[in-house]
Amino acid sequence: EEQTMKDLVTLTEILAPPFKEEKRGKAFAQMLIAAGVDSLW
């Protein structure tokens, strides 16, 4: 839970308006990789 809340702060502070989600998407992708997905695109 402590790390989950840290992740919440990290992602919240990456602004993602509609059509401009790329930067937040990259951060979320890195979190998925670190969490252990088998593949990602």
Full PDB file with SEQRES, HELIX, SHEET, SSBOND, CRYST1, ORIGX, SCALE, CONECT and MASTER records, all heavy atoms in Angstrom:
SEQRES   1 A   41  GLU GLU GLN THR MET LYS ASP LEU VAL THR LEU THR GLU          
SEQRES   2 A   41  ILE LEU ALA PRO PRO PHE LYS GLU GLU LYS ARG GLY LYS          
SEQRES   3 A   41  ALA PHE ALA GLN MET LEU ILE ALA ALA GLY VAL ASP SER          
SEQRES   4 A   41  LEU TRP                                                      
HELIX    1 AA1 GLU A    2  THR A   12  1                                  11    
HELIX    2 AA2 GLU A   22  ALA A   35  1                                  14    
CRYST1    1.000    1.000    1.000  90.00  90.00  90.00 P 1           1          
ORIGX1      1.000000  0.000000  0.000000        0.00000                         
ORIGX2      0.000000  1.000000  0.000000        0.00000                         
ORIGX3      0.000000  0.000000  1.000000        0.00000                         
SCALE1      1.000000  0.000000  0.000000        0.00000                         
SCALE2      0.000000  1.000000  0.000000        0.00000                         
SCALE3      0.000000  0.000000  1.000000        0.00000                         
ATOM      1  N   GLU A   1       0.801  -1.218   0.000  1.00  0.00           N  
ATOM      2  CA  GLU A   1       0.000   0.000   0.000  1.00  0.00           C  
ATOM      3  C   GLU A   1       0.840   1.276   0.000  1.00  0.00           C  
ATOM      4  O   GLU A   1       0.504   2.249  -0.670  1.00  0.00           O  
ATOM      5  CB  GLU A   1      -0.967   0.003   1.186  1.00  0.00           C  
ATOM      6  CG  GLU A   1      -2.257  -0.734   0.914  1.00  0.00           C  
ATOM      7  CD  GLU A   1      -3.031  -0.127  -0.248  1.00  0.00           C  
ATOM      8  OE1 GLU A   1      -3.796   0.838  -0.040  1.00  0.00           O  
ATOM      9  OE2 GLU A   1      -2.867  -0.607  -1.400  1.00  0.00           O  
ATOM     10  N   GLU A   2       1.941   1.279   0.748  1.00  0.00           N  
ATOM     11  CA  GLU A   2       2.777   2.474   0.767  1.00  0.00           C  
ATOM     12  C   GLU A   2       3.329   2.775  -0.619  1.00  0.00           C  
ATOM     13  O   GLU A   2       3.319   3.923  -1.077  1.00  0.00           O  
ATOM     14  CB  GLU A   2       3.925   2.304   1.769  1.00  0.00           C  
ATOM     15  CG  GLU A   2       4.780   3.549   1.915  1.00  0.00           C  
ATOM     16  CD  GLU A   2       5.874   3.397   2.960  1.00  0.00           C  
ATOM     17  OE1 GLU A   2       5.870   2.387   3.701  1.00  0.00           O  
ATOM     18  OE2 GLU A   2       6.738   4.286   3.035  1.00  0.00           O  
ATOM     19  N   GLN A   3       3.806   1.726  -1.312  1.00  0.00           N  
ATOM     20  CA  GLN A   3       4.334   1.916  -2.653  1.00  0.00           C  
ATOM     21  C   GLN A   3       3.222   2.273  -3.639  1.00  0.00           C  
ATOM     22  O   GLN A   3       3.419   3.095  -4.553  1.00  0.00           O  
ATOM     23  CB  GLN A   3       5.064   0.663  -3.126  1.00  0.00           C  
ATOM     24  CG  GLN A   3       5.703   0.795  -4.508  1.00  0.00           C  
ATOM     25  CD  GLN A   3       6.710   1.929  -4.579  1.00  0.00           C  
ATOM     26  OE1 GLN A   3       7.600   2.027  -3.730  1.00  0.00           O  
ATOM     27  NE2 GLN A   3       6.593   2.794  -5.574  1.00  0.00           N  
ATOM     28  N   THR A   4       2.059   1.678  -3.447  1.00  0.00           N  
ATOM     29  CA  THR A   4       0.921   1.995  -4.319  1.00  0.00           C  
ATOM     30  C   THR A   4       0.579   3.478  -4.227  1.00  0.00           C  
ATOM     31  O   THR A   4       0.282   4.130  -5.242  1.00  0.00           O  
ATOM     32  CB  THR A   4      -0.302   1.136  -3.954  1.00  0.00           C  
ATOM     33  OG1 THR A   4       0.030  -0.250  -4.114  1.00  0.00           O  
ATOM     34  CG2 THR A   4      -1.495   1.463  -4.850  1.00  0.00           C  
ATOM     35  N   MET A   5       0.634   4.028  -3.029  1.00  0.00           N  
ATOM     36  CA  MET A   5       0.352   5.451  -2.865  1.00  0.00           C  
ATOM     37  C   MET A   5       1.463   6.318  -3.477  1.00  0.00           C  
ATOM     38  O   MET A   5       1.198   7.387  -4.022  1.00  0.00           O  
ATOM     39  CB  MET A   5       0.161   5.787  -1.389  1.00  0.00           C  
ATOM     40  CG  MET A   5      -1.037   5.090  -0.747  1.00  0.00           C  
ATOM     41  SD  MET A   5      -2.591   5.392  -1.630  1.00  0.00           S  
ATOM     42  CE  MET A   5      -2.856   7.113  -1.246  1.00  0.00           C  
ATOM     43  N   LYS A   6       2.709   5.842  -3.403  1.00  0.00           N  
ATOM     44  CA  LYS A   6       3.799   6.560  -4.066  1.00  0.00           C  
ATOM     45  C   LYS A   6       3.599   6.552  -5.582  1.00  0.00           C  
ATOM     46  O   LYS A   6       3.841   7.565  -6.259  1.00  0.00           O  
ATOM     47  CB  LYS A   6       5.149   5.932  -3.704  1.00  0.00           C  
ATOM     48  CG  LYS A   6       5.589   6.174  -2.267  1.00  0.00           C  
ATOM     49  CD  LYS A   6       6.937   5.512  -1.988  1.00  0.00           C  
ATOM     50  CE  LYS A   6       7.385   5.752  -0.546  1.00  0.00           C  
ATOM     51  NZ  LYS A   6       8.692   5.075  -0.251  1.00  0.00           N  
ATOM     52  N   ASP A   7       3.167   5.393  -6.107  1.00  0.00           N  
ATOM     53  CA  ASP A   7       2.867   5.311  -7.538  1.00  0.00           C  
ATOM     54  C   ASP A   7       1.755   6.290  -7.915  1.00  0.00           C  
ATOM     55  O   ASP A   7       1.781   6.893  -8.993  1.00  0.00           O  
ATOM     56  CB  ASP A   7       2.436   3.891  -7.912  1.00  0.00           C  
ATOM     57  CG  ASP A   7       3.572   2.872  -7.816  1.00  0.00           C  
ATOM     58  OD1 ASP A   7       4.746   3.294  -7.760  1.00  0.00           O  
ATOM     59  OD2 ASP A   7       3.272   1.668  -7.786  1.00  0.00           O  
ATOM     60  N   LEU A   8       0.782   6.441  -7.019  1.00  0.00           N  
ATOM     61  CA  LEU A   8      -0.324   7.355  -7.275  1.00  0.00           C  
ATOM     62  C   LEU A   8       0.180   8.791  -7.411  1.00  0.00           C  
ATOM     63  O   LEU A   8      -0.235   9.523  -8.312  1.00  0.00           O  
ATOM     64  CB  LEU A   8      -1.353   7.254  -6.145  1.00  0.00           C  
ATOM     65  CG  LEU A   8      -2.590   8.155  -6.233  1.00  0.00           C  
ATOM     66  CD1 LEU A   8      -3.340   7.932  -7.536  1.00  0.00           C  
ATOM     67  CD2 LEU A   8      -3.511   7.920  -5.035  1.00  0.00           C  
ATOM     68  N   VAL A   9       1.081   9.186  -6.542  1.00  0.00           N  
ATOM     69  CA  VAL A   9       1.648  10.528  -6.625  1.00  0.00           C  
ATOM     70  C   VAL A   9       2.443  10.697  -7.922  1.00  0.00           C  
ATOM     71  O   VAL A   9       2.306  11.697  -8.639  1.00  0.00           O  
ATOM     72  CB  VAL A   9       2.530  10.827  -5.397  1.00  0.00           C  
ATOM     73  CG1 VAL A   9       3.266  12.154  -5.571  1.00  0.00           C  
ATOM     74  CG2 VAL A   9       1.686  10.843  -4.117  1.00  0.00           C  
ATOM     75  N   THR A  10       3.269   9.705  -8.235  1.00  0.00           N  
ATOM     76  CA  THR A  10       4.111   9.774  -9.437  1.00  0.00           C  
ATOM     77  C   THR A  10       3.268   9.960 -10.693  1.00  0.00           C  
ATOM     78  O   THR A  10       3.547  10.848 -11.518  1.00  0.00           O  
ATOM     79  CB  THR A  10       4.956   8.498  -9.569  1.00  0.00           C  
ATOM     80  OG1 THR A  10       5.844   8.397  -8.462  1.00  0.00           O  
ATOM     81  CG2 THR A  10       5.766   8.507 -10.866  1.00  0.00           C  
ATOM     82  N   LEU A  11       2.228   9.145 -10.849  1.00  0.00           N  
ATOM     83  CA  LEU A  11       1.410   9.219 -12.062  1.00  0.00           C  
ATOM     84  C   LEU A  11       0.530  10.466 -12.086  1.00  0.00           C  
ATOM     85  O   LEU A  11       0.334  11.072 -13.146  1.00  0.00           O  
ATOM     86  CB  LEU A  11       0.543   7.962 -12.187  1.00  0.00           C  
ATOM     87  CG  LEU A  11       1.293   6.665 -12.503  1.00  0.00           C  
ATOM     88  CD1 LEU A  11       0.354   5.468 -12.453  1.00  0.00           C  
ATOM     89  CD2 LEU A  11       1.973   6.745 -13.876  1.00  0.00           C  
ATOM     90  N   THR A  12       0.024  10.870 -10.924  1.00  0.00           N  
ATOM     91  CA  THR A  12      -0.822  12.066 -10.872  1.00  0.00           C  
ATOM     92  C   THR A  12      -0.051  13.295 -11.337  1.00  0.00           C  
ATOM     93  O   THR A  12      -0.608  14.173 -12.016  1.00  0.00           O  
ATOM     94  CB  THR A  12      -1.357  12.293  -9.444  1.00  0.00           C  
ATOM     95  OG1 THR A  12      -2.155  11.175  -9.047  1.00  0.00           O  
ATOM     96  CG2 THR A  12      -2.202  13.559  -9.369  1.00  0.00           C  
ATOM     97  N   GLU A  13       1.219  13.362 -11.005  1.00  0.00           N  
ATOM     98  CA  GLU A  13       2.010  14.541 -11.335  1.00  0.00           C  
ATOM     99  C   GLU A  13       2.519  14.539 -12.772  1.00  0.00           C  
ATOM    100  O   GLU A  13       3.285  15.426 -13.170  1.00  0.00           O  
ATOM    101  CB  GLU A  13       3.158  14.690 -10.338  1.00  0.00           C  
ATOM    102  CG  GLU A  13       2.644  15.035  -8.928  1.00  0.00           C  
ATOM    103  CD  GLU A  13       3.742  15.315  -7.924  1.00  0.00           C  
ATOM    104  OE1 GLU A  13       4.881  14.847  -8.136  1.00  0.00           O  
ATOM    105  OE2 GLU A  13       3.464  16.010  -6.920  1.00  0.00           O  
ATOM    106  N   ILE A  14       2.060  13.565 -13.567  1.00  0.00           N  
ATOM    107  CA  ILE A  14       2.307  13.574 -15.011  1.00  0.00           C  
ATOM    108  C   ILE A  14       0.972  13.897 -15.681  1.00  0.00           C  
ATOM    109  O   ILE A  14       0.095  13.035 -15.805  1.00  0.00           O  
ATOM    110  CB  ILE A  14       2.843  12.220 -15.512  1.00  0.00           C  
ATOM    111  CG1 ILE A  14       4.110  11.830 -14.754  1.00  0.00           C  
ATOM    112  CG2 ILE A  14       3.125  12.289 -17.015  1.00  0.00           C  
ATOM    113  CD1 ILE A  14       4.606  10.428 -15.073  1.00  0.00           C  
ATOM    114  N   LEU A  15       0.788  15.133 -16.088  1.00  0.00           N  
ATOM    115  CA  LEU A  15      -0.489  15.565 -16.650  1.00  0.00           C  
ATOM    116  C   LEU A  15      -0.766  14.824 -17.961  1.00  0.00           C  
ATOM    117  O   LEU A  15       0.130  14.683 -18.803  1.00  0.00           O  
ATOM    118  CB  LEU A  15      -0.463  17.069 -16.890  1.00  0.00           C  
ATOM    119  CG  LEU A  15      -1.747  17.714 -17.419  1.00  0.00           C  
ATOM    120  CD1 LEU A  15      -2.910  17.478 -16.461  1.00  0.00           C  
ATOM    121  CD2 LEU A  15      -1.521  19.204 -17.644  1.00  0.00           C  
ATOM    122  N   ALA A  16      -2.013  14.369 -18.128  1.00  0.00           N  
ATOM    123  CA  ALA A  16      -2.376  13.585 -19.307  1.00  0.00           C  
ATOM    124  C   ALA A  16      -3.737  14.024 -19.856  1.00  0.00           C  
ATOM    125  O   ALA A  16      -4.738  13.332 -19.695  1.00  0.00           O  
ATOM    126  CB  ALA A  16      -2.394  12.093 -18.961  1.00  0.00           C  
ATOM    127  N   PRO A  17      -3.788  15.180 -20.531  1.00  0.00           N  
ATOM    128  CA  PRO A  17      -5.047  15.587 -21.159  1.00  0.00           C  
ATOM    129  C   PRO A  17      -5.416  14.616 -22.281  1.00  0.00           C  
ATOM    130  O   PRO A  17      -4.546  13.916 -22.821  1.00  0.00           O  
ATOM    131  CB  PRO A  17      -4.718  16.967 -21.742  1.00  0.00           C  
ATOM    132  CG  PRO A  17      -3.438  17.391 -21.110  1.00  0.00           C  
ATOM    133  CD  PRO A  17      -2.701  16.136 -20.789  1.00  0.00           C  
ATOM    134  N   PRO A  18      -6.682  14.541 -22.657  1.00  0.00           N  
ATOM    135  CA  PRO A  18      -7.049  13.702 -23.797  1.00  0.00           C  
ATOM    136  C   PRO A  18      -6.229  14.068 -25.031  1.00  0.00           C  
ATOM    137  O   PRO A  18      -5.974  15.245 -25.289  1.00  0.00           O  
ATOM    138  CB  PRO A  18      -8.535  14.023 -24.002  1.00  0.00           C  
ATOM    139  CG  PRO A  18      -9.022  14.401 -22.632  1.00  0.00           C  
ATOM    140  CD  PRO A  18      -7.877  15.160 -22.023  1.00  0.00           C  
ATOM    141  N   PHE A  19      -5.761  13.056 -25.735  1.00  0.00           N  
ATOM    142  CA  PHE A  19      -4.922  13.160 -26.932  1.00  0.00           C  
ATOM    143  C   PHE A  19      -3.455  13.459 -26.601  1.00  0.00           C  
ATOM    144  O   PHE A  19      -2.617  13.516 -27.501  1.00  0.00           O  
ATOM    145  CB  PHE A  19      -5.446  14.218 -27.912  1.00  0.00           C  
ATOM    146  CG  PHE A  19      -6.855  13.967 -28.373  1.00  0.00           C  
ATOM    147  CD1 PHE A  19      -7.918  14.640 -27.796  1.00  0.00           C  
ATOM    148  CD2 PHE A  19      -7.121  13.035 -29.370  1.00  0.00           C  
ATOM    149  CE1 PHE A  19      -9.215  14.408 -28.203  1.00  0.00           C  
ATOM    150  CE2 PHE A  19      -8.421  12.791 -29.783  1.00  0.00           C  
ATOM    151  CZ  PHE A  19      -9.471  13.470 -29.199  1.00  0.00           C  
ATOM    152  N   LYS A  20      -3.139  13.614 -25.303  1.00  0.00           N  
ATOM    153  CA  LYS A  20      -1.752  13.893 -24.926  1.00  0.00           C  
ATOM    154  C   LYS A  20      -1.382  13.046 -23.713  1.00  0.00           C  
ATOM    155  O   LYS A  20      -0.832  13.532 -22.730  1.00  0.00           O  
ATOM    156  CB  LYS A  20      -1.556  15.382 -24.651  1.00  0.00           C  
ATOM    157  CG  LYS A  20      -1.772  16.233 -25.892  1.00  0.00           C  
ATOM    158  CD  LYS A  20      -1.508  17.693 -25.657  1.00  0.00           C  
ATOM    159  CE  LYS A  20      -1.701  18.483 -26.946  1.00  0.00           C  
ATOM    160  NZ  LYS A  20      -1.432  19.930 -26.771  1.00  0.00           N  
ATOM    161  N   GLU A  21      -1.663  11.744 -23.830  1.00  0.00           N  
ATOM    162  CA  GLU A  21      -1.418  10.819 -22.724  1.00  0.00           C  
ATOM    163  C   GLU A  21      -0.059  10.127 -22.801  1.00  0.00           C  
ATOM    164  O   GLU A  21       0.279   9.308 -21.948  1.00  0.00           O  
ATOM    165  CB  GLU A  21      -2.504   9.730 -22.682  1.00  0.00           C  
ATOM    166  CG  GLU A  21      -3.930  10.226 -22.567  1.00  0.00           C  
ATOM    167  CD  GLU A  21      -4.648  10.324 -23.908  1.00  0.00           C  
ATOM    168  OE1 GLU A  21      -3.944  10.427 -24.949  1.00  0.00           O  
ATOM    169  OE2 GLU A  21      -5.878  10.293 -23.929  1.00  0.00           O  
ATOM    170  N   GLU A  22       0.736  10.442 -23.827  1.00  0.00           N  
ATOM    171  CA  GLU A  22       1.951   9.671 -24.110  1.00  0.00           C  
ATOM    172  C   GLU A  22       2.933   9.629 -22.938  1.00  0.00           C  
ATOM    173  O   GLU A  22       3.456   8.560 -22.597  1.00  0.00           O  
ATOM    174  CB  GLU A  22       2.656  10.241 -25.346  1.00  0.00           C  
ATOM    175  CG  GLU A  22       3.880   9.434 -25.754  1.00  0.00           C  
ATOM    176  CD  GLU A  22       4.561   9.984 -26.995  1.00  0.00           C  
ATOM    177  OE1 GLU A  22       4.088  11.013 -27.523  1.00  0.00           O  
ATOM    178  OE2 GLU A  22       5.570   9.392 -27.429  1.00  0.00           O  
ATOM    179  N   LYS A  23       3.194  10.771 -22.309  1.00  0.00           N  
ATOM    180  CA  LYS A  23       4.192  10.802 -21.236  1.00  0.00           C  
ATOM    181  C   LYS A  23       3.747   9.943 -20.053  1.00  0.00           C  
ATOM    182  O   LYS A  23       4.525   9.155 -19.514  1.00  0.00           O  
ATOM    183  CB  LYS A  23       4.446  12.233 -20.787  1.00  0.00           C  
ATOM    184  CG  LYS A  23       5.591  12.377 -19.792  1.00  0.00           C  
ATOM    185  CD  LYS A  23       5.866  13.834 -19.459  1.00  0.00           C  
ATOM    186  CE  LYS A  23       7.003  13.960 -18.456  1.00  0.00           C  
ATOM    187  NZ  LYS A  23       7.271  15.384 -18.086  1.00  0.00           N  
ATOM    188  N   ARG A  24       2.497  10.081 -19.658  1.00  0.00           N  
ATOM    189  CA  ARG A  24       2.000   9.243 -18.568  1.00  0.00           C  
ATOM    190  C   ARG A  24       1.969   7.779 -19.000  1.00  0.00           C  
ATOM    191  O   ARG A  24       2.264   6.885 -18.204  1.00  0.00           O  
ATOM    192  CB  ARG A  24       0.600   9.686 -18.130  1.00  0.00           C  
ATOM    193  CG  ARG A  24       0.055   8.819 -17.003  1.00  0.00           C  
ATOM    194  CD  ARG A  24      -1.342   9.203 -16.566  1.00  0.00           C  
ATOM    195  NE  ARG A  24      -1.339  10.372 -15.701  1.00  0.00           N  
ATOM    196  CZ  ARG A  24      -2.375  10.727 -14.948  1.00  0.00           C  
ATOM    197  NH1 ARG A  24      -3.492  10.015 -14.970  1.00  0.00           N  
ATOM    198  NH2 ARG A  24      -2.306  11.789 -14.173  1.00  0.00           N  
ATOM    199  N   GLY A  25       1.614   7.538 -20.251  1.00  0.00           N  
ATOM    200  CA  GLY A  25       1.594   6.168 -20.759  1.00  0.00           C  
ATOM    201  C   GLY A  25       2.944   5.488 -20.648  1.00  0.00           C  
ATOM    202  O   GLY A  25       3.041   4.308 -20.297  1.00  0.00           O  
ATOM    203  N   LYS A  26       4.009   6.240 -20.914  1.00  0.00           N  
ATOM    204  CA  LYS A  26       5.361   5.670 -20.812  1.00  0.00           C  
ATOM    205  C   LYS A  26       5.698   5.313 -19.365  1.00  0.00           C  
ATOM    206  O   LYS A  26       6.307   4.273 -19.098  1.00  0.00           O  
ATOM    207  CB  LYS A  26       6.387   6.653 -21.373  1.00  0.00           C  
ATOM    208  CG  LYS A  26       6.350   6.772 -22.892  1.00  0.00           C  
ATOM    209  CD  LYS A  26       7.396   7.762 -23.395  1.00  0.00           C  
ATOM    210  CE  LYS A  26       7.379   7.839 -24.917  1.00  0.00           C  
ATOM    211  NZ  LYS A  26       8.372   8.828 -25.438  1.00  0.00           N  
ATOM    212  N   ALA A  27       5.308   6.186 -18.433  1.00  0.00           N  
ATOM    213  CA  ALA A  27       5.567   5.901 -17.015  1.00  0.00           C  
ATOM    214  C   ALA A  27       4.770   4.684 -16.554  1.00  0.00           C  
ATOM    215  O   ALA A  27       5.281   3.831 -15.821  1.00  0.00           O  
ATOM    216  CB  ALA A  27       5.216   7.118 -16.171  1.00  0.00           C  
ATOM    217  N   PHE A  28       3.521   4.597 -16.990  1.00  0.00           N  
ATOM    218  CA  PHE A  28       2.685   3.451 -16.634  1.00  0.00           C  
ATOM    219  C   PHE A  28       3.260   2.166 -17.239  1.00  0.00           C  
ATOM    220  O   PHE A  28       3.281   1.112 -16.593  1.00  0.00           O  
ATOM    221  CB  PHE A  28       1.258   3.683 -17.119  1.00  0.00           C  
ATOM    222  CG  PHE A  28       0.320   2.546 -16.830  1.00  0.00           C  
ATOM    223  CD1 PHE A  28      -0.023   2.217 -15.525  1.00  0.00           C  
ATOM    224  CD2 PHE A  28      -0.234   1.806 -17.866  1.00  0.00           C  
ATOM    225  CE1 PHE A  28      -0.893   1.160 -15.251  1.00  0.00           C  
ATOM    226  CE2 PHE A  28      -1.104   0.757 -17.611  1.00  0.00           C  
ATOM    227  CZ  PHE A  28      -1.432   0.433 -16.299  1.00  0.00           C  
ATOM    228  N   ALA A  29       3.768   2.254 -18.464  1.00  0.00           N  
ATOM    229  CA  ALA A  29       4.370   1.088 -19.110  1.00  0.00           C  
ATOM    230  C   ALA A  29       5.569   0.577 -18.312  1.00  0.00           C  
ATOM    231  O   ALA A  29       5.751  -0.639 -18.135  1.00  0.00           O  
ATOM    232  CB  ALA A  29       4.801   1.444 -20.533  1.00  0.00           C  
ATOM    233  N   GLN A  30       6.392   1.493 -17.813  1.00  0.00           N  
ATOM    234  CA  GLN A  30       7.546   1.080 -17.010  1.00  0.00           C  
ATOM    235  C   GLN A  30       7.105   0.401 -15.718  1.00  0.00           C  
ATOM    236  O   GLN A  30       7.732  -0.560 -15.261  1.00  0.00           O  
ATOM    237  CB  GLN A  30       8.426   2.293 -16.705  1.00  0.00           C  
ATOM    238  CG  GLN A  30       9.163   2.839 -17.918  1.00  0.00           C  
ATOM    239  CD  GLN A  30      10.047   1.776 -18.580  1.00  0.00           C  
ATOM    240  OE1 GLN A  30      10.826   1.084 -17.915  1.00  0.00           O  
ATOM    241  NE2 GLN A  30       9.912   1.639 -19.888  1.00  0.00           N  
ATOM    242  N   MET A  31       6.013   0.875 -15.135  1.00  0.00           N  
ATOM    243  CA  MET A  31       5.484   0.229 -13.924  1.00  0.00           C  
ATOM    244  C   MET A  31       4.975  -1.178 -14.228  1.00  0.00           C  
ATOM    245  O   MET A  31       5.164  -2.103 -13.434  1.00  0.00           O  
ATOM    246  CB  MET A  31       4.356   1.084 -13.330  1.00  0.00           C  
ATOM    247  CG  MET A  31       4.830   2.379 -12.694  1.00  0.00           C  
ATOM    248  SD  MET A  31       3.435   3.330 -11.996  1.00  0.00           S  
ATOM    249  CE  MET A  31       4.309   4.744 -11.319  1.00  0.00           C  
ATOM    250  N   LEU A  32       4.330  -1.351 -15.376  1.00  0.00           N  
ATOM    251  CA  LEU A  32       3.853  -2.688 -15.769  1.00  0.00           C  
ATOM    252  C   LEU A  32       5.028  -3.638 -15.966  1.00  0.00           C  
ATOM    253  O   LEU A  32       4.979  -4.803 -15.547  1.00  0.00           O  
ATOM    254  CB  LEU A  32       3.031  -2.597 -17.061  1.00  0.00           C  
ATOM    255  CG  LEU A  32       1.600  -2.086 -16.957  1.00  0.00           C  
ATOM    256  CD1 LEU A  32       0.988  -1.965 -18.350  1.00  0.00           C  
ATOM    257  CD2 LEU A  32       0.742  -3.002 -16.094  1.00  0.00           C  
ATOM    258  N   ILE A  33       6.068  -3.143 -16.605  1.00  0.00           N  
ATOM    259  CA  ILE A  33       7.259  -3.983 -16.828  1.00  0.00           C  
ATOM    260  C   ILE A  33       7.879  -4.384 -15.497  1.00  0.00           C  
ATOM    261  O   ILE A  33       8.209  -5.554 -15.272  1.00  0.00           O  
ATOM    262  CB  ILE A  33       8.285  -3.238 -17.713  1.00  0.00           C  
ATOM    263  CG1 ILE A  33       7.735  -3.082 -19.136  1.00  0.00           C  
ATOM    264  CG2 ILE A  33       9.617  -3.981 -17.730  1.00  0.00           C  
ATOM    265  CD1 ILE A  33       8.560  -2.158 -20.015  1.00  0.00           C  
ATOM    266  N   ALA A  34       8.020  -3.418 -14.601  1.00  0.00           N  
ATOM    267  CA  ALA A  34       8.603  -3.709 -13.286  1.00  0.00           C  
ATOM    268  C   ALA A  34       7.726  -4.671 -12.481  1.00  0.00           C  
ATOM    269  O   ALA A  34       8.239  -5.483 -11.702  1.00  0.00           O  
ATOM    270  CB  ALA A  34       8.796  -2.403 -12.508  1.00  0.00           C  
ATOM    271  N   ALA A  35       6.412  -4.597 -12.691  1.00  0.00           N  
ATOM    272  CA  ALA A  35       5.491  -5.481 -11.965  1.00  0.00           C  
ATOM    273  C   ALA A  35       5.468  -6.888 -12.538  1.00  0.00           C  
ATOM    274  O   ALA A  35       4.996  -7.812 -11.874  1.00  0.00           O  
ATOM    275  CB  ALA A  35       4.078  -4.895 -11.984  1.00  0.00           C  
ATOM    276  N   GLY A  36       5.961  -7.055 -13.778  1.00  0.00           N  
ATOM    277  CA  GLY A  36       6.124  -8.404 -14.299  1.00  0.00           C  
ATOM    278  C   GLY A  36       5.156  -8.872 -15.355  1.00  0.00           C  
ATOM    279  O   GLY A  36       4.709 -10.028 -15.330  1.00  0.00           O  
ATOM    280  N   VAL A  37       4.806  -8.004 -16.338  1.00  0.00           N  
ATOM    281  CA  VAL A  37       3.998  -8.492 -17.457  1.00  0.00           C  
ATOM    282  C   VAL A  37       4.874  -9.358 -18.365  1.00  0.00           C  
ATOM    283  O   VAL A  37       6.097  -9.218 -18.398  1.00  0.00           O  
ATOM    284  CB  VAL A  37       3.387  -7.338 -18.276  1.00  0.00           C  
ATOM    285  CG1 VAL A  37       2.260  -6.685 -17.529  1.00  0.00           C  
ATOM    286  CG2 VAL A  37       4.440  -6.325 -18.683  1.00  0.00           C  
ATOM    287  N   ASP A  38       4.243 -10.249 -19.102  1.00  0.00           N  
ATOM    288  CA  ASP A  38       4.994 -11.127 -20.006  1.00  0.00           C  
ATOM    289  C   ASP A  38       5.424 -10.405 -21.275  1.00  0.00           C  
ATOM    290  O   ASP A  38       6.465 -10.701 -21.850  1.00  0.00           O  
ATOM    291  CB  ASP A  38       4.147 -12.354 -20.360  1.00  0.00           C  
ATOM    292  CG  ASP A  38       3.937 -13.260 -19.154  1.00  0.00           C  
ATOM    293  OD1 ASP A  38       4.919 -13.518 -18.433  1.00  0.00           O  
ATOM    294  OD2 ASP A  38       2.794 -13.690 -18.918  1.00  0.00           O  
ATOM    295  N   SER A  39       4.587  -9.483 -21.729  1.00  0.00           N  
ATOM    296  CA  SER A  39       4.960  -8.632 -22.864  1.00  0.00           C  
ATOM    297  C   SER A  39       4.166  -7.338 -22.785  1.00  0.00           C  
ATOM    298  O   SER A  39       3.147  -7.267 -22.079  1.00  0.00           O  
ATOM    299  CB  SER A  39       4.703  -9.338 -24.204  1.00  0.00           C  
ATOM    300  OG  SER A  39       3.330  -9.641 -24.368  1.00  0.00           O  
ATOM    301  N   LEU A  40       4.641  -6.337 -23.502  1.00  0.00           N  
ATOM    302  CA  LEU A  40       3.996  -5.025 -23.404  1.00  0.00           C  
ATOM    303  C   LEU A  40       4.141  -4.290 -24.722  1.00  0.00           C  
ATOM    304  O   LEU A  40       5.172  -4.376 -25.390  1.00  0.00           O  
ATOM    305  CB  LEU A  40       4.631  -4.211 -22.272  1.00  0.00           C  
ATOM    306  CG  LEU A  40       4.013  -2.834 -22.027  1.00  0.00           C  
ATOM    307  CD1 LEU A  40       3.843  -2.561 -20.541  1.00  0.00           C  
ATOM    308  CD2 LEU A  40       4.864  -1.728 -22.682  1.00  0.00           C  
ATOM    309  N   TRP A  41       3.084  -3.573 -25.121  1.00  0.00           N  
ATOM    310  CA  TRP A  41       3.155  -2.742 -26.307  1.00  0.00           C  
ATOM    311  C   TRP A  41       2.191  -1.553 -26.167  1.00  0.00           C  
ATOM    312  O   TRP A  41       1.263  -1.583 -25.354  1.00  0.00           O  
ATOM    313  CB  TRP A  41       2.848  -3.537 -27.567  1.00  0.00           C  
ATOM    314  CG  TRP A  41       1.427  -4.030 -27.706  1.00  0.00           C  
ATOM    315  CD1 TRP A  41       0.404  -3.464 -28.406  1.00  0.00           C  
ATOM    316  CD2 TRP A  41       0.877  -5.234 -27.131  1.00  0.00           C  
ATOM    317  NE1 TRP A  41      -0.735  -4.216 -28.308  1.00  0.00           N  
ATOM    318  CE2 TRP A  41      -0.480  -5.323 -27.542  1.00  0.00           C  
ATOM    319  CE3 TRP A  41       1.399  -6.253 -26.314  1.00  0.00           C  
ATOM    320  CZ2 TRP A  41      -1.316  -6.362 -27.153  1.00  0.00           C  
ATOM    321  CZ3 TRP A  41       0.573  -7.300 -25.926  1.00  0.00           C  
ATOM    322  CH2 TRP A  41      -0.758  -7.355 -26.349  1.00  0.00           C  
TER     323      TRP A  41                                                      
MASTER        0    0    0    2    0    0    0    6  322    1    0    4          
END                                                                             
